[in-house]
Structures are given as structure tokens and as C-alpha cells.
C-alpha atoms as a PDB file:
ATOM      1  CA  UNK A   1     -34.355  25.833  48.218  1.00  0.00           C
ATOM      2  CA  UNK A   2     -33.983  22.670  50.283  1.00  0.00           C
ATOM      3  CA  UNK A   3     -30.740  20.999  49.203  1.00  0.00           C
ATOM      4  CA  UNK A   4     -29.283  17.665  50.279  1.00  0.00           C
ATOM      5  CA  UNK A   5     -25.485  17.480  50.025  1.00  0.00           C
ATOM      6  CA  UNK A   6     -24.138  13.920  49.961  1.00  0.00           C
ATOM      7  CA  UNK A   7     -20.552  13.644  51.188  1.00  0.00           C
ATOM      8  CA  UNK A   8     -20.885  16.987  52.941  1.00  0.00           C
ATOM      9  CA  UNK A   9     -17.836  16.625  55.188  1.00  0.00           C
ATOM     10  CA  UNK A  10     -15.449  16.006  52.297  1.00  0.00           C
ATOM     11  CA  UNK A  11     -13.507  18.895  50.753  1.00  0.00           C
ATOM     12  CA  UNK A  12     -15.945  19.437  47.873  1.00  0.00           C
ATOM     13  CA  UNK A  13     -18.963  18.820  50.086  1.00  0.00           C
ATOM     14  CA  UNK A  14     -17.822  21.467  52.546  1.00  0.00           C
ATOM     15  CA  UNK A  15     -17.601  24.011  49.735  1.00  0.00           C
ATOM     16  CA  UNK A  16     -21.073  23.112  48.509  1.00  0.00           C
ATOM     17  CA  UNK A  17     -22.532  23.277  52.004  1.00  0.00           C
ATOM     18  CA  UNK A  18     -20.908  26.600  52.871  1.00  0.00           C
ATOM     19  CA  UNK A  19     -21.816  28.304  49.605  1.00  0.00           C
ATOM     20  CA  UNK A  20     -25.376  26.983  49.687  1.00  0.00           C
ATOM     21  CA  UNK A  21     -25.905  28.282  53.218  1.00  0.00           C
ATOM     22  CA  UNK A  22     -24.399  31.650  52.288  1.00  0.00           C
ATOM     23  CA  UNK A  23     -26.873  31.859  49.401  1.00  0.00           C
ATOM     24  CA  UNK A  24     -29.803  31.321  51.762  1.00  0.00           C
ATOM     25  CA  UNK A  25     -30.590  27.685  51.023  1.00  0.00           C
ATOM     26  CA  UNK A  26     -31.633  25.146  53.647  1.00  0.00           C
ATOM     27  CA  UNK A  27     -29.089  22.326  53.603  1.00  0.00           C
ATOM     28  CA  UNK A  28     -29.223  18.738  54.817  1.00  0.00           C
ATOM     29  CA  UNK A  29     -25.605  17.631  55.080  1.00  0.00           C
ATOM     30  CA  UNK A  30     -25.150  13.863  54.784  1.00  0.00           C
ATOM     31  CA  UNK A  31     -21.905  12.159  55.754  1.00  0.00           C
ATOM     32  CA  UNK A  32     -20.823   8.888  57.311  1.00  0.00           C
ATOM     33  CA  UNK A  33     -18.631  10.799  59.751  1.00  0.00           C
ATOM     34  CA  UNK A  34     -19.830  14.407  59.961  1.00  0.00           C
ATOM     35  CA  UNK A  35     -16.990  16.687  60.917  1.00  0.00           C
ATOM     36  CA  UNK A  36     -15.885  20.224  60.280  1.00  0.00           C
ATOM     37  CA  UNK A  37     -19.332  21.438  59.276  1.00  0.00           C
ATOM     38  CA  UNK A  38     -20.427  24.936  60.328  1.00  0.00           C
ATOM     39  CA  UNK A  39     -23.145  25.612  62.864  1.00  0.00           C
ATOM     40  CA  UNK A  40     -26.045  27.272  61.086  1.00  0.00           C
ATOM     41  CA  UNK A  41     -29.786  27.671  61.620  1.00  0.00           C
ATOM     42  CA  UNK A  42     -30.447  26.396  58.095  1.00  0.00           C
ATOM     43  CA  UNK A  43     -28.181  23.344  58.387  1.00  0.00           C
ATOM     44  CA  UNK A  44     -29.296  19.844  59.353  1.00  0.00           C
ATOM     45  CA  UNK A  45     -26.542  17.268  59.756  1.00  0.00           C
ATOM     46  CA  UNK A  46     -27.335  13.606  59.114  1.00  0.00           C
ATOM     47  CA  UNK A  47     -24.862  10.821  59.881  1.00  0.00           C
ATOM     48  CA  UNK A  48     -25.603   8.249  57.198  1.00  0.00           C
ATOM     49  CA  UNK A  49     -23.900   5.991  54.703  1.00  0.00           C
ATOM     50  CA  UNK A  50     -25.091   7.083  51.250  1.00  0.00           C
ATOM     51  CA  UNK A  51     -24.745   3.521  49.961  1.00  0.00           C
ATOM     52  CA  UNK A  52     -27.359   2.301  52.489  1.00  0.00           C
ATOM     53  CA  UNK A  53     -30.874   2.762  51.047  1.00  0.00           C
ATOM     54  CA  UNK A  54     -32.526   2.691  54.470  1.00  0.00           C
ATOM     55  CA  UNK A  55     -30.157   5.327  55.825  1.00  0.00           C
ATOM     56  CA  UNK A  56     -30.323   7.730  52.887  1.00  0.00           C
ATOM     57  CA  UNK A  57     -34.088   7.727  52.337  1.00  0.00           C
ATOM     58  CA  UNK A  58     -35.094   9.923  55.339  1.00  0.00           C
ATOM     59  CA  UNK A  59     -32.478  12.525  54.382  1.00  0.00           C
ATOM     60  CA  UNK A  60     -33.831  12.843  50.839  1.00  0.00           C
ATOM     61  CA  UNK A  61     -37.506  13.167  51.806  1.00  0.00           C
ATOM     62  CA  UNK A  62     -38.828  16.667  51.212  1.00  0.00           C
ATOM     63  CA  UNK A  63     -35.785  17.951  49.301  1.00  0.00           C
ATOM     64  CA  UNK A  64     -35.858  20.145  46.209  1.00  0.00           C
ATOM     65  CA  UNK A  65     -32.491  18.903  44.971  1.00  0.00           C
ATOM     66  CA  UNK A  66     -29.778  16.381  45.830  1.00  0.00           C
ATOM     67  CA  UNK A  67     -26.116  17.200  45.150  1.00  0.00           C
ATOM     68  CA  UNK A  68     -23.625  14.349  45.502  1.00  0.00           C
ATOM     69  CA  UNK A  69     -20.006  15.265  46.205  1.00  0.00           C
ATOM     70  CA  UNK A  70     -18.861  11.842  47.331  1.00  0.00           C
ATOM     71  CA  UNK A  71     -15.175  11.036  47.247  1.00  0.00           C
ATOM     72  CA  UNK A  72     -12.979   8.083  48.091  1.00  0.00           C
ATOM     73  CA  UNK A  73      -9.239   7.729  48.517  1.00  0.00           C
ATOM     74  CA  UNK A  74      -7.714   6.376  45.282  1.00  0.00           C
ATOM     75  CA  UNK A  75      -6.905   2.684  45.470  1.00  0.00           C
ATOM     76  CA  UNK A  76      -5.921  -0.145  43.188  1.00  0.00           C
ATOM     77  CA  UNK A  77      -8.643  -2.224  44.806  1.00  0.00           C
ATOM     78  CA  UNK A  78     -12.149  -2.253  43.273  1.00  0.00           C
ATOM     79  CA  UNK A  79     -14.253   0.791  44.183  1.00  0.00           C
ATOM     80  CA  UNK A  80     -18.057   0.614  44.476  1.00  0.00           C
ATOM     81  CA  UNK A  81     -18.946   3.683  46.563  1.00  0.00           C
ATOM     82  CA  UNK A  82     -20.030   5.927  43.690  1.00  0.00           C
ATOM     83  CA  UNK A  83     -22.281   3.448  41.911  1.00  0.00           C
ATOM     84  CA  UNK A  84     -23.761   2.009  45.112  1.00  0.00           C
ATOM     85  CA  UNK A  85     -24.580   5.474  46.429  1.00  0.00           C
ATOM     86  CA  UNK A  86     -26.083   6.529  43.097  1.00  0.00           C
ATOM     87  CA  UNK A  87     -28.318   3.457  43.114  1.00  0.00           C
ATOM     88  CA  UNK A  88     -29.533   4.169  46.656  1.00  0.00           C
ATOM     89  CA  UNK A  89     -30.008   7.907  46.092  1.00  0.00           C
ATOM     90  CA  UNK A  90     -31.883   7.501  42.800  1.00  0.00           C
ATOM     91  CA  UNK A  91     -34.234   4.971  44.382  1.00  0.00           C
ATOM     92  CA  UNK A  92     -34.859   7.218  47.400  1.00  0.00           C
ATOM     93  CA  UNK A  93     -35.505  10.245  45.193  1.00  0.00           C
ATOM     94  CA  UNK A  94     -38.008   8.354  43.077  1.00  0.00           C
ATOM     95  CA  UNK A  95     -39.876   7.134  46.148  1.00  0.00           C
ATOM     96  CA  UNK A  96     -40.133  10.678  47.518  1.00  0.00           C
ATOM     97  CA  UNK A  97     -40.770  12.386  44.155  1.00  0.00           C
ATOM     98  CA  UNK A  98     -37.573  14.449  44.330  1.00  0.00           C
ATOM     99  CA  UNK A  99     -36.521  15.282  40.781  1.00  0.00           C
ATOM    100  CA  UNK A 100     -33.287  17.310  40.679  1.00  0.00           C
ATOM    101  CA  UNK A 101     -29.996  15.413  41.008  1.00  0.00           C
ATOM    102  CA  UNK A 102     -26.398  16.502  40.432  1.00  0.00           C
ATOM    103  CA  UNK A 103     -23.424  14.177  40.883  1.00  0.00           C
ATOM    104  CA  UNK A 104     -19.717  15.007  40.788  1.00  0.00           C
ATOM    105  CA  UNK A 105     -17.815  12.808  38.357  1.00  0.00           C
ATOM    106  CA  UNK A 106     -14.630  13.602  36.385  1.00  0.00           C
ATOM    107  CA  UNK A 107     -13.604  15.071  33.022  1.00  0.00           C
ATOM    108  CA  UNK A 108     -11.517  11.937  32.530  1.00  0.00           C
ATOM    109  CA  UNK A 109     -14.722  10.106  31.652  1.00  0.00           C
ATOM    110  CA  UNK A 110     -15.062  12.174  28.479  1.00  0.00           C
ATOM    111  CA  UNK A 111     -12.967  10.234  25.918  1.00  0.00           C
ATOM    112  CA  UNK A 112     -12.395  13.421  23.942  1.00  0.00           C
ATOM    113  CA  UNK A 113     -11.065  15.455  26.876  1.00  0.00           C
ATOM    114  CA  UNK A 114      -7.550  16.683  26.117  1.00  0.00           C
ATOM    115  CA  UNK A 115      -6.832  20.127  27.627  1.00  0.00           C
ATOM    116  CA  UNK A 116      -5.190  22.625  25.285  1.00  0.00           C
ATOM    117  CA  UNK A 117      -1.534  23.589  25.780  1.00  0.00           C
ATOM    118  CA  UNK A 118      -0.990  20.817  28.330  1.00  0.00           C
ATOM    119  CA  UNK A 119       1.523  18.462  26.706  1.00  0.00           C
ATOM    120  CA  UNK A 120       3.054  17.147  29.930  1.00  0.00           C
ATOM    121  CA  UNK A 121      -0.338  16.521  31.483  1.00  0.00           C
ATOM    122  CA  UNK A 122      -1.841  14.895  28.389  1.00  0.00           C
ATOM    123  CA  UNK A 123       1.129  12.640  27.609  1.00  0.00           C
ATOM    124  CA  UNK A 124       2.711  11.936  31.009  1.00  0.00           C
ATOM    125  CA  UNK A 125       0.504  12.646  34.007  1.00  0.00           C
ATOM    126  CA  UNK A 126      -2.889  11.738  32.573  1.00  0.00           C
ATOM    127  CA  UNK A 127      -1.868   8.304  31.236  1.00  0.00           C
ATOM    128  CA  UNK A 128      -0.172   7.383  34.526  1.00  0.00           C
ATOM    129  CA  UNK A 129      -2.221   9.094  37.240  1.00  0.00           C
ATOM    130  CA  UNK A 130      -5.731   9.021  35.797  1.00  0.00           C
ATOM    131  CA  UNK A 131      -5.498   5.827  33.771  1.00  0.00           C
ATOM    132  CA  UNK A 132      -3.468   3.791  36.295  1.00  0.00           C
ATOM    133  CA  UNK A 133      -3.395   5.139  39.869  1.00  0.00           C
ATOM    134  CA  UNK A 134      -6.999   6.355  39.876  1.00  0.00           C
ATOM    135  CA  UNK A 135      -8.382   3.852  37.370  1.00  0.00           C
ATOM    136  CA  UNK A 136     -10.594   1.993  39.863  1.00  0.00           C
ATOM    137  CA  UNK A 137     -12.185   5.259  41.014  1.00  0.00           C
ATOM    138  CA  UNK A 138     -12.933   6.323  37.457  1.00  0.00           C
ATOM    139  CA  UNK A 139     -14.343   2.932  36.556  1.00  0.00           C
ATOM    140  CA  UNK A 140     -16.854   3.225  39.375  1.00  0.00           C
ATOM    141  CA  UNK A 141     -17.624   6.828  38.442  1.00  0.00           C
ATOM    142  CA  UNK A 142     -18.509   5.495  34.994  1.00  0.00           C
ATOM    143  CA  UNK A 143     -20.900   3.014  36.594  1.00  0.00           C
ATOM    144  CA  UNK A 144     -22.348   5.874  38.666  1.00  0.00           C
ATOM    145  CA  UNK A 145     -22.949   7.902  35.506  1.00  0.00           C
ATOM    146  CA  UNK A 146     -24.698   4.920  33.931  1.00  0.00           C
ATOM    147  CA  UNK A 147     -27.039   4.596  36.926  1.00  0.00           C
ATOM    148  CA  UNK A 148     -27.852   8.301  36.839  1.00  0.00           C
ATOM    149  CA  UNK A 149     -28.351   8.444  33.070  1.00  0.00           C
ATOM    150  CA  UNK A 150     -30.678   5.439  33.161  1.00  0.00           C
ATOM    151  CA  UNK A 151     -32.966   7.169  35.671  1.00  0.00           C
ATOM    152  CA  UNK A 152     -35.968   9.321  34.811  1.00  0.00           C
ATOM    153  CA  UNK A 153     -34.731  12.100  37.102  1.00  0.00           C
ATOM    154  CA  UNK A 154     -33.763  15.651  36.156  1.00  0.00           C
ATOM    155  CA  UNK A 155     -30.043  14.954  36.438  1.00  0.00           C
ATOM    156  CA  UNK A 156     -26.773  16.683  35.624  1.00  0.00           C
ATOM    157  CA  UNK A 157     -23.424  14.888  35.732  1.00  0.00           C
ATOM    158  CA  UNK A 158     -20.729  17.385  36.767  1.00  0.00           C
ATOM    159  CA  UNK A 159     -17.216  16.769  35.456  1.00  0.00           C
ATOM    160  CA  UNK A 160     -14.414  18.805  37.028  1.00  0.00           C
ATOM    161  CA  UNK A 161     -10.803  18.514  35.983  1.00  0.00           C
ATOM    162  CA  UNK A 162      -8.025  18.027  38.566  1.00  0.00           C
ATOM    163  CA  UNK A 163      -9.473  19.247  41.848  1.00  0.00           C
ATOM    164  CA  UNK A 164      -7.529  21.548  44.157  1.00  0.00           C
ATOM    165  CA  UNK A 165      -8.108  23.876  47.082  1.00  0.00           C
ATOM    166  CA  UNK A 166      -8.542  27.623  46.647  1.00  0.00           C
ATOM    167  CA  UNK A 167     -10.176  29.882  49.246  1.00  0.00           C
ATOM    168  CA  UNK A 168     -12.500  31.861  46.965  1.00  0.00           C
ATOM    169  CA  UNK A 169     -14.556  31.515  43.802  1.00  0.00           C
ATOM    170  CA  UNK A 170     -12.562  32.598  40.723  1.00  0.00           C
ATOM    171  CA  UNK A 171     -13.053  32.782  36.969  1.00  0.00           C
ATOM    172  CA  UNK A 172     -13.997  29.411  35.526  1.00  0.00           C
ATOM    173  CA  UNK A 173     -15.470  27.753  32.453  1.00  0.00           C
ATOM    174  CA  UNK A 174     -18.532  25.559  32.173  1.00  0.00           C
ATOM    175  CA  UNK A 175     -19.079  23.515  29.032  1.00  0.00           C
ATOM    176  CA  UNK A 176     -21.102  20.677  27.603  1.00  0.00           C
ATOM    177  CA  UNK A 177     -19.448  17.334  28.387  1.00  0.00           C
ATOM    178  CA  UNK A 178     -16.105  18.572  29.723  1.00  0.00           C
ATOM    179  CA  UNK A 179     -14.315  21.906  29.943  1.00  0.00           C
ATOM    180  CA  UNK A 180     -10.977  22.803  28.364  1.00  0.00           C
ATOM    181  CA  UNK A 181      -8.733  22.966  31.402  1.00  0.00           C
ATOM    182  CA  UNK A 182      -6.445  20.840  33.557  1.00  0.00           C
ATOM    183  CA  UNK A 183      -7.596  22.112  36.976  1.00  0.00           C
ATOM    184  CA  UNK A 184     -10.793  22.906  38.858  1.00  0.00           C
ATOM    185  CA  UNK A 185     -10.860  24.696  42.192  1.00  0.00           C
ATOM    186  CA  UNK A 186     -13.409  23.171  44.539  1.00  0.00           C
ATOM    187  CA  UNK A 187     -14.821  26.634  45.244  1.00  0.00           C
ATOM    188  CA  UNK A 188     -15.469  27.076  41.506  1.00  0.00           C
ATOM    189  CA  UNK A 189     -16.964  23.597  41.215  1.00  0.00           C
ATOM    190  CA  UNK A 190     -19.425  24.326  44.026  1.00  0.00           C
ATOM    191  CA  UNK A 191     -20.328  27.719  42.572  1.00  0.00           C
ATOM    192  CA  UNK A 192     -20.974  26.203  39.138  1.00  0.00           C
ATOM    193  CA  UNK A 193     -23.199  23.497  40.620  1.00  0.00           C
ATOM    194  CA  UNK A 194     -25.287  25.943  42.629  1.00  0.00           C
ATOM    195  CA  UNK A 195     -25.632  28.250  39.622  1.00  0.00           C
ATOM    196  CA  UNK A 196     -26.780  25.299  37.523  1.00  0.00           C
ATOM    197  CA  UNK A 197     -29.582  24.658  40.013  1.00  0.00           C
ATOM    198  CA  UNK A 198     -30.996  28.064  39.063  1.00  0.00           C
ATOM    199  CA  UNK A 199     -30.065  28.276  35.379  1.00  0.00           C
ATOM    200  CA  UNK A 200     -30.721  24.668  34.321  1.00  0.00           C
ATOM    201  CA  UNK A 201     -28.414  24.873  31.308  1.00  0.00           C
ATOM    202  CA  UNK A 202     -27.454  21.194  31.382  1.00  0.00           C
ATOM    203  CA  UNK A 203     -30.569  19.091  32.013  1.00  0.00           C
ATOM    204  CA  UNK A 204     -29.884  15.363  31.520  1.00  0.00           C
ATOM    205  CA  UNK A 205     -26.369  16.166  30.257  1.00  0.00           C
ATOM    206  CA  UNK A 206     -22.802  16.327  31.508  1.00  0.00           C
ATOM    207  CA  UNK A 207     -21.395  19.715  32.538  1.00  0.00           C
ATOM    208  CA  UNK A 208     -17.646  20.290  32.574  1.00  0.00           C
ATOM    209  CA  UNK A 209     -16.078  22.810  34.963  1.00  0.00           C
ATOM    210  CA  UNK A 210     -12.503  24.157  34.756  1.00  0.00           C
ATOM    211  CA  UNK A 211     -10.793  27.012  36.579  1.00  0.00           C
ATOM    212  CA  UNK A 212      -9.104  29.649  34.423  1.00  0.00           C
ATOM    213  CA  UNK A 213      -7.861  32.254  36.920  1.00  0.00           C
ATOM    214  CA  UNK A 214      -5.494  30.214  39.104  1.00  0.00           C
ATOM    215  CA  UNK A 215      -3.742  26.868  39.017  1.00  0.00           C
ATOM    216  CA  UNK A 216      -1.734  24.700  41.409  1.00  0.00           C
ATOM    217  CA  UNK A 217       1.611  23.101  40.672  1.00  0.00           C
ATOM    218  CA  UNK A 218       1.293  19.638  39.126  1.00  0.00           C
ATOM    219  CA  UNK A 219       3.569  17.979  41.698  1.00  0.00           C
ATOM    220  CA  UNK A 220       1.599  19.505  44.567  1.00  0.00           C
ATOM    221  CA  UNK A 221      -1.684  18.508  42.938  1.00  0.00           C
ATOM    222  CA  UNK A 222      -0.663  14.865  42.684  1.00  0.00           C
ATOM    223  CA  UNK A 223       0.722  14.847  46.237  1.00  0.00           C
ATOM    224  CA  UNK A 224      -2.230  16.567  47.912  1.00  0.00           C
ATOM    225  CA  UNK A 225      -5.142  15.313  45.833  1.00  0.00           C
ATOM    226  CA  UNK A 226      -4.281  11.957  44.284  1.00  0.00           C
ATOM    227  CA  UNK A 227      -2.071  10.467  46.997  1.00  0.00           C
ATOM    228  CA  UNK A 228      -3.845  11.910  50.031  1.00  0.00           C
ATOM    229  CA  UNK A 229      -7.481  12.940  50.073  1.00  0.00           C
ATOM    230  CA  UNK A 230     -10.861  12.037  48.582  1.00  0.00           C
ATOM    231  CA  UNK A 231     -12.894  14.540  46.604  1.00  0.00           C
END
């Protein structure tokens, strides 16, 4: 399969790119500043801003699927990257008759998401971190979801919980809307997305992903993921 990965040099994008190549796919890796991507005969690297329609269109042409793993550093300032990129990518896909789209969003966007047995997260961390520190990011993710849902594409919105680094794919849940869990390893997120390309269990729906086998410490998660790096 010919897969375009948007935001390929970010932490989630690198997982998607590496796992897709290992599975035998041909990957076009799109990033504003490509870095840290592996050398591979089936990898094409494109330096492009996904919010620029003219820049993204050549990368999308001829693809079987587009997977967006864009991320931005949390800020209290307005964020537009997710929705602007979704608008450009959807338009480019329609022009080139590319149907399959997956975009990484967040479980926070499901109003009913409250992980089981997670009192401190639900009543302390979530209200402060997700609803205050990362509020601008989530507001733009919501706009991104609206753009994707309004399209006539074969889309899936992917909603991980708190993202963290883990070197290998582990046991994880996938569920309609959001999954019951506080954390999602990026390796598991990438694996779930690539599996969904084959299984097509969540066409034109949201798919939650949560890791069950391992978990990071909450303090480390906030330090490394919320205060430091994009998705």
C-alpha cells in the first residue's frame, strides 16, 4: 500500500513510518523539517507544510491512504495547525481521488471519556492539564474533526489517551469513540492505525486506542509530553 504520513518526523509520525515500512508499505513521509527518518528503499521524504495546499497536493497524489500524525507544542495562544492541515489535506485528496484518511486526535474530545479507576487523573490532572494547559490544542483538534467529518472521504478519527514513549508494541484496546484507559503508547497507536487500514472496523467513525500492558508515571507524562514535545 502507498501511505502518506503527515507529520512524519514527530514522535508519533516516526512510529507510523517505521512500522509501515517494516510491514512492506511504500511511505511518503511529509514534514516541515524532516529529521530522524530512516533510510529505506520504500521511503520518500517530502519537506512540506501540511497547512499549505500547494505544498501538500503533490505528496498526496497517487496515494492509497493518508495518515495524519501532526502535533504542536501546547500553548495558551490560539492553535490552527490541525484544522488548517485537515482542510488542505481533504481538498488535495478529493482532487486526486484518494479516499482513505486517518487523523490523530484525542480521547479528550469524547465528552463521555472518563477512564475507570483513575480518580486522580479524572478529578485533578484532566481538569487542569487537558482543559486548561492544552485547551487551545484540543479546540483546534475539534475543528479538525469537524472538517474531516464533513468530508465525503473514507475517514477514521483516531483518539489516543495520554501519549507516551515505549519501544515496542504492547497489549492495547481499540474501541468506538474512545477507549477506557489513561495512556496510549505511540507504538500501540501506530500499530492500531495500520491494522485499521486493513480491517476497516471504524469507517467514518472515531476509534479510541489505549495501552493496557504498560504505563508511565503521571508526573513524567506531564513533564515529557505536555510541557515538552508535540505529538
